[in-house]
Protein backbone atom coordinates (compact mmCIF):
# COMPACT_ATOMS: atom_id res chain seq x y z
CA UNK A 1 4.61 -0.02 -34.05
CA UNK A 2 6.51 3.25 -34.58
CA UNK A 3 3.22 5.12 -34.98
CA UNK A 4 1.91 3.63 -31.74
CA UNK A 5 5.13 4.50 -29.92
CA UNK A 6 5.05 8.10 -31.12
CA UNK A 7 1.39 8.50 -30.12
CA UNK A 8 2.04 6.94 -26.71
CA UNK A 9 5.05 9.18 -26.08
CA UNK A 10 3.15 12.35 -27.02
CA UNK A 11 0.37 11.42 -24.62
CA UNK A 12 2.59 10.17 -21.77
CA UNK A 13 1.57 12.99 -19.36
CA UNK A 14 -2.07 11.99 -19.88
CA UNK A 15 -1.35 8.34 -19.10
CA UNK A 16 0.65 9.28 -16.00
CA UNK A 17 -2.23 11.54 -14.96
CA UNK A 18 -4.61 8.57 -15.06
CA UNK A 19 -2.17 6.32 -13.20
CA UNK A 20 -1.46 8.51 -10.20
CA UNK A 21 -3.90 11.39 -10.34
CA UNK A 22 -7.32 9.80 -10.58
CA UNK A 23 -6.95 6.43 -8.87
CA UNK A 24 -10.08 4.61 -7.77
CA UNK A 25 -10.00 3.69 -4.12
CA UNK A 26 -9.81 -0.05 -4.75
CA UNK A 27 -7.87 0.03 -8.02
CA UNK A 28 -5.45 -2.94 -8.00
CA UNK A 29 -1.80 -2.02 -7.46
CA UNK A 30 -0.63 -4.44 -10.15
CA UNK A 31 -2.60 -2.44 -12.73
CA UNK A 32 -0.74 0.72 -11.66
CA UNK A 33 2.54 -1.12 -12.16
CA UNK A 34 1.55 -2.47 -15.58
CA UNK A 35 0.51 0.92 -16.96
CA UNK A 36 3.48 2.75 -15.43
CA UNK A 37 5.86 0.13 -16.84
CA UNK A 38 4.26 0.51 -20.26
CA UNK A 39 4.67 4.28 -20.07
CA UNK A 40 8.39 3.93 -19.39
CA UNK A 41 8.80 1.25 -22.05
CA UNK A 42 7.39 3.31 -24.89
CA UNK A 43 8.90 6.67 -23.92
CA UNK A 44 12.24 7.74 -25.35
CA UNK A 45 14.28 10.39 -27.08
CA UNK A 46 12.53 12.64 -29.53
CA UNK A 47 13.37 15.67 -31.61
CA UNK A 48 11.28 17.94 -29.42
CA UNK A 49 10.55 18.11 -25.72
CA UNK A 50 6.80 18.76 -26.08
CA UNK A 51 7.15 21.53 -23.51
CA UNK A 52 3.95 23.40 -22.69
CA UNK A 53 4.96 26.71 -21.09
CA UNK A 54 1.37 27.95 -20.72
CA UNK A 55 0.21 25.16 -18.42
CA UNK A 56 -1.27 26.11 -15.06
CA UNK A 57 1.38 25.96 -12.34
CA UNK A 58 0.83 24.22 -9.01
CA UNK A 59 0.63 26.50 -5.98
CA UNK A 60 2.72 25.08 -3.14
CA UNK A 61 2.82 26.02 0.57
CA UNK A 62 5.42 28.49 1.80
CA UNK A 63 8.88 27.00 2.33
CA UNK A 64 7.92 23.84 0.46
CA UNK A 65 10.86 24.27 -1.92
CA UNK A 66 14.10 25.11 -0.12
CA UNK A 67 17.87 25.30 -0.58
CA UNK A 68 18.76 24.42 3.01
CA UNK A 69 19.57 20.81 3.81
CA UNK A 70 16.55 18.71 4.75
CA UNK A 71 18.52 15.78 6.15
CA UNK A 72 20.40 12.61 5.32
CA UNK A 73 19.03 10.93 2.22
CA UNK A 74 18.89 7.64 0.37
CA UNK A 75 18.67 6.93 -3.34
CA UNK A 76 15.52 6.01 -5.22
CA UNK A 77 16.45 2.32 -5.30
CA UNK A 78 17.10 2.28 -1.56
CA UNK A 79 13.77 3.96 -0.88
CA UNK A 80 11.93 1.45 -3.04
CA UNK A 81 13.51 -1.38 -1.08
CA UNK A 82 12.12 0.22 2.10
CA UNK A 83 8.54 0.85 0.87
CA UNK A 84 7.44 1.72 4.42
CA UNK A 85 4.23 3.77 4.53
CA UNK A 86 4.70 4.52 8.25
CA UNK A 87 8.06 6.25 7.89
CA UNK A 88 9.19 9.67 6.65
CA UNK A 89 11.89 9.25 3.99
CA UNK A 90 14.34 11.68 2.42
CA UNK A 91 15.08 10.53 -1.12
CA UNK A 92 17.71 12.02 -3.42
CA UNK A 93 17.84 11.76 -7.19
CA UNK A 94 17.27 13.67 -10.42
CA UNK A 95 14.02 14.72 -12.06
CA UNK A 96 13.99 12.63 -15.20
CA UNK A 97 14.46 9.12 -16.50
CA UNK A 98 11.97 9.81 -19.28
CA UNK A 99 11.46 12.52 -21.90
CA UNK A 100 8.78 14.39 -19.95
CA UNK A 101 8.97 13.65 -16.21
CA UNK A 102 6.09 16.00 -15.32
CA UNK A 103 2.32 15.65 -15.56
CA UNK A 104 0.41 18.43 -17.24
CA UNK A 105 -2.40 19.04 -14.77
CA UNK A 106 -1.30 17.70 -11.39
CA UNK A 107 1.66 18.17 -9.03
CA UNK A 108 3.57 15.01 -9.92
CA UNK A 109 7.03 14.29 -11.29
CA UNK A 110 9.28 11.28 -11.87
CA UNK A 111 12.47 10.99 -9.80
CA UNK A 112 15.33 8.86 -11.14
CA UNK A 113 18.04 6.95 -9.29
CA UNK A 114 21.67 7.92 -9.92
CA UNK A 115 22.37 4.42 -11.26
CA UNK A 116 20.54 5.38 -14.48
CA UNK A 117 22.73 6.63 -17.32
CA UNK A 118 21.16 9.74 -18.80
CA UNK A 119 21.70 11.02 -22.32
CA UNK A 120 24.02 13.84 -21.20
CA UNK A 121 26.42 11.24 -19.77
CA UNK A 122 26.88 9.51 -23.13
CA UNK A 123 29.67 11.02 -25.28
CA UNK A 124 28.35 12.33 -28.57
CA UNK A 125 24.69 11.91 -27.64
CA UNK A 126 22.66 14.89 -28.89
CA UNK A 127 19.32 13.98 -27.34
CA UNK A 128 17.32 17.22 -26.82
CA UNK A 129 16.12 15.91 -23.45
CA UNK A 130 19.44 15.15 -21.68
CA UNK A 131 17.71 14.02 -18.47
CA UNK A 132 16.19 11.09 -20.38
CA UNK A 133 17.52 7.57 -19.86
CA UNK A 134 16.24 6.28 -23.18
CA UNK A 135 19.39 4.22 -23.86
CA UNK A 136 18.90 2.20 -20.68
CA UNK A 137 16.98 -1.07 -20.53
CA UNK A 138 13.31 -0.21 -19.99
CA UNK A 139 12.97 -2.63 -17.11
CA UNK A 140 15.87 -0.92 -15.35
CA UNK A 141 14.17 2.46 -15.82
CA UNK A 142 10.96 1.13 -14.28
CA UNK A 143 12.90 -0.34 -11.35
CA UNK A 144 14.98 2.82 -10.81
CA UNK A 145 12.33 5.55 -10.92
CA UNK A 146 9.56 6.64 -8.60
CA UNK A 147 6.67 9.08 -8.63
CA UNK A 148 6.72 12.16 -6.38
CA UNK A 149 3.39 13.88 -5.78
CA UNK A 150 2.17 16.81 -3.68
CA UNK A 151 -1.18 16.33 -1.95
CA UNK A 152 -3.42 18.65 0.06
CA UNK A 153 -4.84 18.05 3.55
CA UNK A 154 -7.62 15.93 2.01
CA UNK A 155 -5.15 13.61 0.31
CA UNK A 156 -5.95 15.00 -3.14
CA UNK A 157 -3.12 15.75 -5.54
CA UNK A 158 -2.71 19.51 -6.05
CA UNK A 159 -3.83 20.94 -9.39
CA UNK A 160 -1.27 22.28 -11.83
CA UNK A 161 2.10 21.10 -13.06
CA UNK A 162 5.25 21.29 -10.93
CA UNK A 163 7.39 22.08 -13.96
CA UNK A 164 8.88 25.55 -13.53
CA UNK A 165 7.60 26.02 -9.97
CA UNK A 166 10.22 27.45 -7.60
CA UNK A 167 13.12 26.26 -9.74
CA UNK A 168 11.84 22.73 -10.28
CA UNK A 169 12.68 21.53 -13.79
CA UNK A 170 13.72 18.42 -15.69
CA UNK A 171 17.29 17.37 -14.94
CA UNK A 172 17.38 19.06 -11.51
CA UNK A 173 18.92 17.16 -8.63
CA UNK A 174 16.67 17.24 -5.59
CA UNK A 175 16.05 15.76 -2.18
CA UNK A 176 12.42 14.98 -1.43
CA UNK A 177 11.17 14.54 2.13
CA UNK A 178 7.85 12.74 2.42
CA UNK A 179 5.78 9.72 3.32
CA UNK A 180 5.23 6.69 1.11
CA UNK A 181 1.71 6.63 -0.37
CA UNK A 182 -0.58 3.80 0.64
CA UNK A 183 -1.06 3.21 -3.12
CA UNK A 184 2.66 2.52 -3.49
CA UNK A 185 4.26 -0.81 -4.31
CA UNK A 186 7.92 -1.85 -4.37
CA UNK A 187 8.13 -1.03 -8.09
CA UNK A 188 5.30 1.47 -8.70
CA UNK A 189 6.63 3.59 -5.85
CA UNK A 190 4.86 6.84 -4.89
CA UNK A 191 6.11 9.39 -2.36
CA UNK A 192 3.83 12.10 -0.95
CA UNK A 193 6.23 15.03 -0.76
CA UNK A 194 6.28 17.33 2.26
CA UNK A 195 9.37 19.33 1.28
CA UNK A 196 11.73 19.53 -1.68
CA UNK A 197 15.36 20.69 -1.55
CA UNK A 198 17.01 21.93 -4.76
CA UNK A 199 20.59 20.64 -5.03
CA UNK A 200 21.74 22.36 -8.24
């Protein structure tokens, strides 16, 4: 079991890539939820962050990442309760909830709700990925995280990782303005970002 968990954790960006990056048009939403839940369940603290500094970076439109306020926001859990694909939402949270919240080849990251206790909030915890919530119940992590993705005018997710782009990094607090994807469900929640505000 430990061997499987380690292998799954190392390959988590690949699994996330297949969940959100290459969806078939009629792929059932409950399959998305099952795989995403499994990804969260088997991810956790590790002795290294598996960072890959030489990955291709996503190229975003001008003024996509800003410091100015983009409007009143709600938390991740509140947004997931809404799940309205016809409405623009502004969602606030932190990039994290798992060891590696970014995908390697596409512009996607995981946004966590503030109700999650991260490793840096636990006295004496020396987890090398302090934005992780590996001590939380896995079901709570699934219920309190969402996927943020950046798509082009054709609805295709932009190539390249968002990690390190314009100040975006694990642990950052952000507001994300965007529209709920039509592939989204109440739990496997996906927001198509239109603008990102850095909060710290």
